[in-house]
C-alpha atoms as a PDB file:
ATOM      1  CA  UNK A   1     -19.017  -0.732   3.411  1.00  0.00           C
ATOM      2  CA  UNK A   2     -20.605  -2.702   0.708  1.00  0.00           C
ATOM      3  CA  UNK A   3     -17.555  -5.488   0.282  1.00  0.00           C
ATOM      4  CA  UNK A   4     -19.522  -7.828   2.797  1.00  0.00           C
ATOM      5  CA  UNK A   5     -17.814  -8.672   6.248  1.00  0.00           C
ATOM      6  CA  UNK A   6     -14.685  -8.541   7.921  1.00  0.00           C
ATOM      7  CA  UNK A   7     -12.307 -11.044   8.922  1.00  0.00           C
ATOM      8  CA  UNK A   8      -9.556 -11.246  11.328  1.00  0.00           C
ATOM      9  CA  UNK A   9      -5.838 -11.380  11.417  1.00  0.00           C
ATOM     10  CA  UNK A  10      -3.975 -12.710  14.116  1.00  0.00           C
ATOM     11  CA  UNK A  11      -1.259 -11.205  16.240  1.00  0.00           C
ATOM     12  CA  UNK A  12      -1.285  -7.782  18.443  1.00  0.00           C
ATOM     13  CA  UNK A  13      -4.993  -6.481  18.038  1.00  0.00           C
ATOM     14  CA  UNK A  14      -3.309  -3.119  18.073  1.00  0.00           C
ATOM     15  CA  UNK A  15      -1.201  -3.807  15.069  1.00  0.00           C
ATOM     16  CA  UNK A  16      -3.901  -5.525  13.269  1.00  0.00           C
ATOM     17  CA  UNK A  17      -5.745  -4.273   9.829  1.00  0.00           C
ATOM     18  CA  UNK A  18      -8.586  -4.028   8.125  1.00  0.00           C
ATOM     19  CA  UNK A  19      -9.448  -7.178   6.113  1.00  0.00           C
ATOM     20  CA  UNK A  20     -12.752  -7.182   4.108  1.00  0.00           C
ATOM     21  CA  UNK A  21     -13.312 -10.174   2.070  1.00  0.00           C
ATOM     22  CA  UNK A  22     -15.543 -10.058  -1.369  1.00  0.00           C
ATOM     23  CA  UNK A  23     -13.917 -12.875  -2.770  1.00  0.00           C
ATOM     24  CA  UNK A  24     -17.290 -14.668  -3.475  1.00  0.00           C
ATOM     25  CA  UNK A  25     -18.120 -11.556  -5.589  1.00  0.00           C
ATOM     26  CA  UNK A  26     -14.777 -10.081  -6.737  1.00  0.00           C
ATOM     27  CA  UNK A  27     -11.333 -11.221  -7.679  1.00  0.00           C
ATOM     28  CA  UNK A  28     -10.145  -7.560  -6.954  1.00  0.00           C
ATOM     29  CA  UNK A  29      -8.062  -7.067  -3.429  1.00  0.00           C
ATOM     30  CA  UNK A  30      -7.793  -3.740  -2.783  1.00  0.00           C
ATOM     31  CA  UNK A  31      -4.700  -2.590  -1.006  1.00  0.00           C
ATOM     32  CA  UNK A  32      -3.841   0.582   1.414  1.00  0.00           C
ATOM     33  CA  UNK A  33      -0.901  -0.490   3.111  1.00  0.00           C
ATOM     34  CA  UNK A  34       0.790   2.802   4.496  1.00  0.00           C
ATOM     35  CA  UNK A  35      -1.839   5.287   4.660  1.00  0.00           C
ATOM     36  CA  UNK A  36      -1.838   4.941   8.696  1.00  0.00           C
ATOM     37  CA  UNK A  37      -0.620   7.898  10.696  1.00  0.00           C
ATOM     38  CA  UNK A  38      -1.047   5.929  13.692  1.00  0.00           C
ATOM     39  CA  UNK A  39       1.662   4.805  15.951  1.00  0.00           C
ATOM     40  CA  UNK A  40       0.259   2.881  19.393  1.00  0.00           C
ATOM     41  CA  UNK A  41       1.657   4.096  22.747  1.00  0.00           C
ATOM     42  CA  UNK A  42       3.799   0.856  23.182  1.00  0.00           C
ATOM     43  CA  UNK A  43       5.660   1.442  20.154  1.00  0.00           C
ATOM     44  CA  UNK A  44       6.420   5.278  20.580  1.00  0.00           C
ATOM     45  CA  UNK A  45       9.407   4.565  22.743  1.00  0.00           C
ATOM     46  CA  UNK A  46      10.949   2.924  20.625  1.00  0.00           C
ATOM     47  CA  UNK A  47      11.750   6.226  18.388  1.00  0.00           C
ATOM     48  CA  UNK A  48      14.684   8.291  19.617  1.00  0.00           C
ATOM     49  CA  UNK A  49      13.278  11.629  18.207  1.00  0.00           C
ATOM     50  CA  UNK A  50      10.671  14.114  19.408  1.00  0.00           C
ATOM     51  CA  UNK A  51       7.438  14.719  18.930  1.00  0.00           C
ATOM     52  CA  UNK A  52       8.259  17.179  16.267  1.00  0.00           C
ATOM     53  CA  UNK A  53      10.579  15.224  14.145  1.00  0.00           C
ATOM     54  CA  UNK A  54       8.000  12.383  14.378  1.00  0.00           C
ATOM     55  CA  UNK A  55       5.041  14.134  13.139  1.00  0.00           C
ATOM     56  CA  UNK A  56       7.755  15.622  10.203  1.00  0.00           C
ATOM     57  CA  UNK A  57       8.218  11.763   9.124  1.00  0.00           C
ATOM     58  CA  UNK A  58       5.122  11.044   9.442  1.00  0.00           C
ATOM     59  CA  UNK A  59       3.611  14.076   7.056  1.00  0.00           C
ATOM     60  CA  UNK A  60       6.766  12.987   4.625  1.00  0.00           C
ATOM     61  CA  UNK A  61       5.947   9.065   4.388  1.00  0.00           C
ATOM     62  CA  UNK A  62       2.388   8.704   5.087  1.00  0.00           C
ATOM     63  CA  UNK A  63       0.371   7.528   1.920  1.00  0.00           C
ATOM     64  CA  UNK A  64      -2.157  10.623   2.872  1.00  0.00           C
ATOM     65  CA  UNK A  65      -5.282   9.870   1.576  1.00  0.00           C
ATOM     66  CA  UNK A  66      -5.217   6.552   0.183  1.00  0.00           C
ATOM     67  CA  UNK A  67      -7.578   5.253   2.695  1.00  0.00           C
ATOM     68  CA  UNK A  68     -10.271   7.078   2.209  1.00  0.00           C
ATOM     69  CA  UNK A  69      -9.936   6.623  -1.561  1.00  0.00           C
ATOM     70  CA  UNK A  70     -10.385   2.543  -1.240  1.00  0.00           C
ATOM     71  CA  UNK A  71     -12.871   3.324   1.619  1.00  0.00           C
ATOM     72  CA  UNK A  72     -14.801   5.432  -0.953  1.00  0.00           C
ATOM     73  CA  UNK A  73     -14.024   2.516  -4.202  1.00  0.00           C
ATOM     74  CA  UNK A  74     -15.995   0.309  -1.961  1.00  0.00           C
ATOM     75  CA  UNK A  75     -19.002   2.158  -1.421  1.00  0.00           C
ATOM     76  CA  UNK A  76     -19.425   1.636  -5.269  1.00  0.00           C
ATOM     77  CA  UNK A  77     -18.179  -1.619  -6.308  1.00  0.00           C
ATOM     78  CA  UNK A  78     -17.470  -5.328  -5.270  1.00  0.00           C
ATOM     79  CA  UNK A  79     -14.156  -5.876  -4.216  1.00  0.00           C
ATOM     80  CA  UNK A  80     -12.058  -7.030  -0.899  1.00  0.00           C
ATOM     81  CA  UNK A  81      -9.515  -4.712   0.936  1.00  0.00           C
ATOM     82  CA  UNK A  82      -6.851  -4.837   3.197  1.00  0.00           C
ATOM     83  CA  UNK A  83      -6.043  -1.153   4.822  1.00  0.00           C
ATOM     84  CA  UNK A  84      -3.368  -1.572   7.308  1.00  0.00           C
ATOM     85  CA  UNK A  85      -3.768  -0.280  10.516  1.00  0.00           C
ATOM     86  CA  UNK A  86      -0.665   1.436  11.765  1.00  0.00           C
ATOM     87  CA  UNK A  87       1.434   3.662  10.156  1.00  0.00           C
ATOM     88  CA  UNK A  88       5.033   2.160   7.794  1.00  0.00           C
ATOM     89  CA  UNK A  89       7.169   3.645  10.853  1.00  0.00           C
ATOM     90  CA  UNK A  90       5.855   0.944  13.181  1.00  0.00           C
ATOM     91  CA  UNK A  91       6.386  -1.689  10.424  1.00  0.00           C
ATOM     92  CA  UNK A  92       6.483  -1.652   6.642  1.00  0.00           C
ATOM     93  CA  UNK A  93       4.280  -4.926   5.708  1.00  0.00           C
ATOM     94  CA  UNK A  94       5.649  -4.168   1.913  1.00  0.00           C
ATOM     95  CA  UNK A  95       9.063  -4.569   1.967  1.00  0.00           C
ATOM     96  CA  UNK A  96      10.753  -8.017   1.407  1.00  0.00           C
ATOM     97  CA  UNK A  97      12.139  -9.577   5.448  1.00  0.00           C
ATOM     98  CA  UNK A  98      15.110 -10.897   3.355  1.00  0.00           C
ATOM     99  CA  UNK A  99      18.655  -9.219   2.432  1.00  0.00           C
ATOM    100  CA  UNK A 100      16.740  -8.719  -1.304  1.00  0.00           C
ATOM    101  CA  UNK A 101      14.874  -5.679  -0.234  1.00  0.00           C
ATOM    102  CA  UNK A 102      16.676  -2.444  -1.375  1.00  0.00           C
ATOM    103  CA  UNK A 103      15.531  -0.117   1.337  1.00  0.00           C
ATOM    104  CA  UNK A 104      17.631  -1.877   3.863  1.00  0.00           C
ATOM    105  CA  UNK A 105      20.321   0.682   2.732  1.00  0.00           C
ATOM    106  CA  UNK A 106      19.330   2.938   3.842  1.00  0.00           C
ATOM    107  CA  UNK A 107      17.465   1.688   7.369  1.00  0.00           C
ATOM    108  CA  UNK A 108      14.027   1.213   5.822  1.00  0.00           C
ATOM    109  CA  UNK A 109      13.222  -2.334   5.494  1.00  0.00           C
ATOM    110  CA  UNK A 110      10.479  -4.174   7.381  1.00  0.00           C
ATOM    111  CA  UNK A 111      11.259  -2.406  10.407  1.00  0.00           C
ATOM    112  CA  UNK A 112      12.754   1.472   9.770  1.00  0.00           C
ATOM    113  CA  UNK A 113      15.624   2.363  12.075  1.00  0.00           C
ATOM    114  CA  UNK A 114      16.225   5.727   9.801  1.00  0.00           C
ATOM    115  CA  UNK A 115      13.539   7.981   7.861  1.00  0.00           C
ATOM    116  CA  UNK A 116      12.663  10.227   5.246  1.00  0.00           C
ATOM    117  CA  UNK A 117      16.112  12.416   6.163  1.00  0.00           C
ATOM    118  CA  UNK A 118      18.271   9.624   6.173  1.00  0.00           C
ATOM    119  CA  UNK A 119      18.807  10.158   9.914  1.00  0.00           C
ATOM    120  CA  UNK A 120      18.345   7.548  12.633  1.00  0.00           C
ATOM    121  CA  UNK A 121      14.771   7.813  14.365  1.00  0.00           C
ATOM    122  CA  UNK A 122      14.356   4.582  16.051  1.00  0.00           C
ATOM    123  CA  UNK A 123      16.269   1.733  17.918  1.00  0.00           C
ATOM    124  CA  UNK A 124      13.672  -1.400  18.273  1.00  0.00           C
ATOM    125  CA  UNK A 125      14.196  -3.142  21.248  1.00  0.00           C
ATOM    126  CA  UNK A 126      14.588  -7.912  20.542  1.00  0.00           C
ATOM    127  CA  UNK A 127      11.382  -8.300  22.249  1.00  0.00           C
ATOM    128  CA  UNK A 128       9.458  -5.648  20.119  1.00  0.00           C
ATOM    129  CA  UNK A 129      11.533  -7.060  16.986  1.00  0.00           C
ATOM    130  CA  UNK A 130       9.927 -10.271  17.484  1.00  0.00           C
ATOM    131  CA  UNK A 131       6.234  -9.124  18.350  1.00  0.00           C
ATOM    132  CA  UNK A 132       6.532  -6.882  14.766  1.00  0.00           C
ATOM    133  CA  UNK A 133       8.088  -9.529  12.752  1.00  0.00           C
ATOM    134  CA  UNK A 134       5.268 -11.775  13.771  1.00  0.00           C
ATOM    135  CA  UNK A 135       2.653  -9.057  12.600  1.00  0.00           C
ATOM    136  CA  UNK A 136       4.367  -8.733   9.410  1.00  0.00           C
ATOM    137  CA  UNK A 137       3.950 -12.449   8.442  1.00  0.00           C
ATOM    138  CA  UNK A 138      -0.128 -12.213   9.755  1.00  0.00           C
ATOM    139  CA  UNK A 139      -0.636  -9.701   7.615  1.00  0.00           C
ATOM    140  CA  UNK A 140       1.132 -11.683   4.559  1.00  0.00           C
ATOM    141  CA  UNK A 141      -0.755 -14.342   5.588  1.00  0.00           C
ATOM    142  CA  UNK A 142      -4.003 -12.462   5.857  1.00  0.00           C
ATOM    143  CA  UNK A 143      -3.676 -11.653   2.529  1.00  0.00           C
ATOM    144  CA  UNK A 144      -2.356 -14.567   1.153  1.00  0.00           C
ATOM    145  CA  UNK A 145      -5.622 -16.116   2.612  1.00  0.00           C
ATOM    146  CA  UNK A 146      -8.015 -13.299   0.649  1.00  0.00           C
ATOM    147  CA  UNK A 147      -5.593 -14.480  -3.093  1.00  0.00           C
ATOM    148  CA  UNK A 148      -5.896 -18.195  -2.129  1.00  0.00           C
ATOM    149  CA  UNK A 149      -9.900 -17.510  -1.957  1.00  0.00           C
ATOM    150  CA  UNK A 150      -9.619 -15.787  -5.236  1.00  0.00           C
ATOM    151  CA  UNK A 151      -8.213 -18.103  -6.966  1.00  0.00           C
ATOM    152  CA  UNK A 152     -10.462 -20.586  -5.922  1.00  0.00           C
ATOM    153  CA  UNK A 153     -13.308 -18.660  -6.663  1.00  0.00           C
ATOM    154  CA  UNK A 154     -12.200 -16.878  -9.696  1.00  0.00           C
ATOM    155  CA  UNK A 155      -8.965 -18.714 -10.853  1.00  0.00           C
ATOM    156  CA  UNK A 156      -7.160 -15.446 -10.637  1.00  0.00           C
ATOM    157  CA  UNK A 157      -6.660 -13.002  -8.282  1.00  0.00           C
ATOM    158  CA  UNK A 158      -5.973  -8.884  -9.279  1.00  0.00           C
ATOM    159  CA  UNK A 159      -4.315  -6.308  -6.581  1.00  0.00           C
ATOM    160  CA  UNK A 160      -4.548  -2.820  -6.603  1.00  0.00           C
ATOM    161  CA  UNK A 161      -2.163  -1.253  -4.699  1.00  0.00           C
ATOM    162  CA  UNK A 162      -3.182   2.102  -3.597  1.00  0.00           C
ATOM    163  CA  UNK A 163       0.163   4.342  -2.359  1.00  0.00           C
ATOM    164  CA  UNK A 164       0.655   8.029  -2.988  1.00  0.00           C
ATOM    165  CA  UNK A 165       4.486  10.059  -3.448  1.00  0.00           C
ATOM    166  CA  UNK A 166       5.762  13.362  -2.910  1.00  0.00           C
ATOM    167  CA  UNK A 167       6.117  16.025  -5.814  1.00  0.00           C
ATOM    168  CA  UNK A 168       9.715  16.287  -4.768  1.00  0.00           C
ATOM    169  CA  UNK A 169      12.190  14.008  -4.319  1.00  0.00           C
ATOM    170  CA  UNK A 170      13.019  12.880  -0.834  1.00  0.00           C
ATOM    171  CA  UNK A 171      16.642  11.890   0.702  1.00  0.00           C
ATOM    172  CA  UNK A 172      15.810   8.182   1.044  1.00  0.00           C
ATOM    173  CA  UNK A 173      14.672   7.691  -2.331  1.00  0.00           C
ATOM    174  CA  UNK A 174      17.317   5.830  -4.116  1.00  0.00           C
ATOM    175  CA  UNK A 175      15.920   6.654  -7.877  1.00  0.00           C
ATOM    176  CA  UNK A 176      14.790  10.230  -7.273  1.00  0.00           C
ATOM    177  CA  UNK A 177      16.414  11.056 -10.688  1.00  0.00           C
ATOM    178  CA  UNK A 178      13.255   9.096 -12.487  1.00  0.00           C
ATOM    179  CA  UNK A 179      10.433  10.894 -13.669  1.00  0.00           C
ATOM    180  CA  UNK A 180       7.394  11.944 -11.231  1.00  0.00           C
ATOM    181  CA  UNK A 181       4.473  11.724 -12.941  1.00  0.00           C
ATOM    182  CA  UNK A 182       0.930  12.187 -11.846  1.00  0.00           C
ATOM    183  CA  UNK A 183       0.602   8.553 -11.866  1.00  0.00           C
ATOM    184  CA  UNK A 184       3.351   6.240 -11.128  1.00  0.00           C
ATOM    185  CA  UNK A 185       2.046   2.411 -12.630  1.00  0.00           C
ATOM    186  CA  UNK A 186       3.966  -0.196 -10.685  1.00  0.00           C
ATOM    187  CA  UNK A 187       4.171  -3.388 -11.966  1.00  0.00           C
ATOM    188  CA  UNK A 188       6.367  -6.809 -12.140  1.00  0.00           C
ATOM    189  CA  UNK A 189       5.769  -8.445 -15.981  1.00  0.00           C
ATOM    190  CA  UNK A 190       5.617 -11.942 -14.536  1.00  0.00           C
ATOM    191  CA  UNK A 191       1.815 -10.437 -12.236  1.00  0.00           C
ATOM    192  CA  UNK A 192       0.657  -8.129 -14.782  1.00  0.00           C
ATOM    193  CA  UNK A 193      -1.544  -8.511 -18.071  1.00  0.00           C
ATOM    194  CA  UNK A 194      -2.158  -6.224 -21.395  1.00  0.00           C
ATOM    195  CA  UNK A 195      -5.942  -6.094 -19.995  1.00  0.00           C
ATOM    196  CA  UNK A 196      -5.043  -4.788 -16.307  1.00  0.00           C
ATOM    197  CA  UNK A 197      -2.578  -2.299 -17.572  1.00  0.00           C
ATOM    198  CA  UNK A 198      -5.175  -1.089 -20.235  1.00  0.00           C
ATOM    199  CA  UNK A 199      -7.827  -0.786 -17.432  1.00  0.00           C
ATOM    200  CA  UNK A 200      -5.686   1.448 -15.429  1.00  0.00           C
ATOM    201  CA  UNK A 201      -4.916   3.469 -18.210  1.00  0.00           C
ATOM    202  CA  UNK A 202      -8.725   3.910 -19.176  1.00  0.00           C
ATOM    203  CA  UNK A 203      -9.737   4.176 -15.187  1.00  0.00           C
ATOM    204  CA  UNK A 204      -7.063   7.125 -15.023  1.00  0.00           C
ATOM    205  CA  UNK A 205      -7.017   8.491 -18.331  1.00  0.00           C
ATOM    206  CA  UNK A 206      -7.140  12.169 -16.888  1.00  0.00           C
ATOM    207  CA  UNK A 207      -3.712  11.885 -15.430  1.00  0.00           C
ATOM    208  CA  UNK A 208      -0.344  11.628 -17.191  1.00  0.00           C
ATOM    209  CA  UNK A 209       1.068   7.706 -16.486  1.00  0.00           C
ATOM    210  CA  UNK A 210       4.358   6.392 -16.291  1.00  0.00           C
ATOM    211  CA  UNK A 211       5.363   3.056 -15.903  1.00  0.00           C
ATOM    212  CA  UNK A 212       7.771   1.629 -12.766  1.00  0.00           C
ATOM    213  CA  UNK A 213       9.492   5.701 -12.276  1.00  0.00           C
ATOM    214  CA  UNK A 214      10.179   6.935  -9.686  1.00  0.00           C
ATOM    215  CA  UNK A 215       8.804   3.454  -7.675  1.00  0.00           C
ATOM    216  CA  UNK A 216       8.510  -0.117  -9.730  1.00  0.00           C
ATOM    217  CA  UNK A 217       6.771  -3.228  -9.003  1.00  0.00           C
ATOM    218  CA  UNK A 218       3.704  -3.981  -7.217  1.00  0.00           C
ATOM    219  CA  UNK A 219       2.486  -5.999  -3.999  1.00  0.00           C
ATOM    220  CA  UNK A 220       2.279  -9.769  -3.640  1.00  0.00           C
ATOM    221  CA  UNK A 221       2.280 -11.977  -1.522  1.00  0.00           C
ATOM    222  CA  UNK A 222       5.391 -14.083  -0.890  1.00  0.00           C
ATOM    223  CA  UNK A 223       3.822 -17.444  -1.200  1.00  0.00           C
ATOM    224  CA  UNK A 224       2.894 -15.956  -4.685  1.00  0.00           C
ATOM    225  CA  UNK A 225       5.765 -13.895  -5.617  1.00  0.00           C
ATOM    226  CA  UNK A 226       7.507 -14.651  -9.130  1.00  0.00           C
ATOM    227  CA  UNK A 227       5.510 -18.159  -8.729  1.00  0.00           C
ATOM    228  CA  UNK A 228       1.855 -18.005  -9.567  1.00  0.00           C
ATOM    229  CA  UNK A 229       0.925 -15.543 -12.678  1.00  0.00           C
ATOM    230  CA  UNK A 230      -3.091 -16.033 -11.612  1.00  0.00           C
ATOM    231  CA  UNK A 231      -1.952 -13.680  -9.601  1.00  0.00           C
ATOM    232  CA  UNK A 232      -1.684  -9.900 -11.005  1.00  0.00           C
ATOM    233  CA  UNK A 233      -0.856  -6.524  -9.623  1.00  0.00           C
ATOM    234  CA  UNK A 234      -0.715  -3.467 -10.451  1.00  0.00           C
ATOM    235  CA  UNK A 235       0.522  -0.461  -8.058  1.00  0.00           C
ATOM    236  CA  UNK A 236      -1.215   2.751  -8.235  1.00  0.00           C
ATOM    237  CA  UNK A 237       1.585   5.856  -6.890  1.00  0.00           C
ATOM    238  CA  UNK A 238      -0.750   9.008  -6.982  1.00  0.00           C
ATOM    239  CA  UNK A 239       0.918  12.087  -6.873  1.00  0.00           C
ATOM    240  CA  UNK A 240       0.500  13.767  -3.937  1.00  0.00           C
ATOM    241  CA  UNK A 241       0.164  17.468  -5.277  1.00  0.00           C
ATOM    242  CA  UNK A 242      -2.905  16.627  -7.451  1.00  0.00           C
ATOM    243  CA  UNK A 243      -4.640  16.137  -3.982  1.00  0.00           C
ATOM    244  CA  UNK A 244      -3.695  17.226  -1.003  1.00  0.00           C
ATOM    245  CA  UNK A 245      -1.608  20.729   0.404  1.00  0.00           C
ATOM    246  CA  UNK A 246       1.496  18.799   0.870  1.00  0.00           C
ATOM    247  CA  UNK A 247       3.139  21.428   3.670  1.00  0.00           C
ATOM    248  CA  UNK A 248       0.198  20.466   6.294  1.00  0.00           C
ATOM    249  CA  UNK A 249      -1.587  17.301   4.767  1.00  0.00           C
ATOM    250  CA  UNK A 250      -4.714  18.898   4.082  1.00  0.00           C
ATOM    251  CA  UNK A 251      -6.754  16.837   2.037  1.00  0.00           C
ATOM    252  CA  UNK A 252      -8.866  18.034  -1.158  1.00  0.00           C
ATOM    253  CA  UNK A 253     -11.956  15.878  -0.133  1.00  0.00           C
ATOM    254  CA  UNK A 254     -13.611  16.319  -3.822  1.00  0.00           C
ATOM    255  CA  UNK A 255      -9.969  15.278  -5.610  1.00  0.00           C
ATOM    256  CA  UNK A 256      -9.852  12.431  -3.050  1.00  0.00           C
ATOM    257  CA  UNK A 257     -12.936  11.373  -3.681  1.00  0.00           C
ATOM    258  CA  UNK A 258     -12.632  11.496  -7.618  1.00  0.00           C
ATOM    259  CA  UNK A 259      -9.816   9.160  -7.183  1.00  0.00           C
ATOM    260  CA  UNK A 260     -11.196   6.416  -4.628  1.00  0.00           C
ATOM    261  CA  UNK A 261     -14.211   6.763  -7.708  1.00  0.00           C
ATOM    262  CA  UNK A 262     -11.657   6.209 -10.484  1.00  0.00           C
ATOM    263  CA  UNK A 263     -10.189   2.783  -8.307  1.00  0.00           C
ATOM    264  CA  UNK A 264     -13.911   1.807  -8.263  1.00  0.00           C
ATOM    265  CA  UNK A 265     -13.979   1.716 -11.755  1.00  0.00           C
ATOM    266  CA  UNK A 266     -10.744   0.153 -12.351  1.00  0.00           C
ATOM    267  CA  UNK A 267     -12.209  -2.361 -10.223  1.00  0.00           C
ATOM    268  CA  UNK A 268     -15.293  -3.182 -11.667  1.00  0.00           C
ATOM    269  CA  UNK A 269     -13.990  -3.156 -15.301  1.00  0.00           C
ATOM    270  CA  UNK A 270     -11.402  -5.944 -13.832  1.00  0.00           C
ATOM    271  CA  UNK A 271     -13.836  -7.970 -12.345  1.00  0.00           C
ATOM    272  CA  UNK A 272     -16.076  -7.447 -15.709  1.00  0.00           C
ATOM    273  CA  UNK A 273     -13.487  -8.608 -17.767  1.00  0.00           C
ATOM    274  CA  UNK A 274     -13.147 -12.458 -17.189  1.00  0.00           C
END
């Protein structure tokens, strides 16, 4: 990676993300929170479904290829990055931790108890709950550190939150009737600028784009959320049928790399815009 050295995050090592700190050179932070399929053995026993059912959940809910896209982008741009080390089925680092999280309604808050088909998939023991919530807090703290460093160095921080989604609605989705474009651009007006949105439009000009459908908003650390407009954030929800076989998870590597190059173009344009 050309984007500099890594720094550690507290908490269980088996849960820790990869964090690349290039805040001395760029205000951009690439974020891939849902790309891992890894479930550490210590946490497998919490799942009440068999291996085949667990594989089905991982195929449906993993943001396949986004880790490779972010790593590809880092080869040709200066940006920081945070890449989750474990599956969202273990802990979803992007959920709100309180009652304000709408996905609690389907058992898919920070700690999932239900899966894509709204069936119970896990029972989380109290001791594991404490450890996993500690990881959630450490993860948030690590990204908050990067944001604070970017603000100190550049007067702004720009999070590019990279995700993917299925071409057809899954039963867990709360907004299944929305449009499903090749690129859903998620953002919150408190953390978006016309300039950032314009750079997204340009970098992904070959893809039809719709704002905030079927998923809305974009990740901002809780310490900054709704409070600091210098922290900008955009979510890129890429429809999976454009770069993979959704039936078996096989990636079209050329298409994945092309999307990584587009992310790099976006990061460079944002950094250059000052």
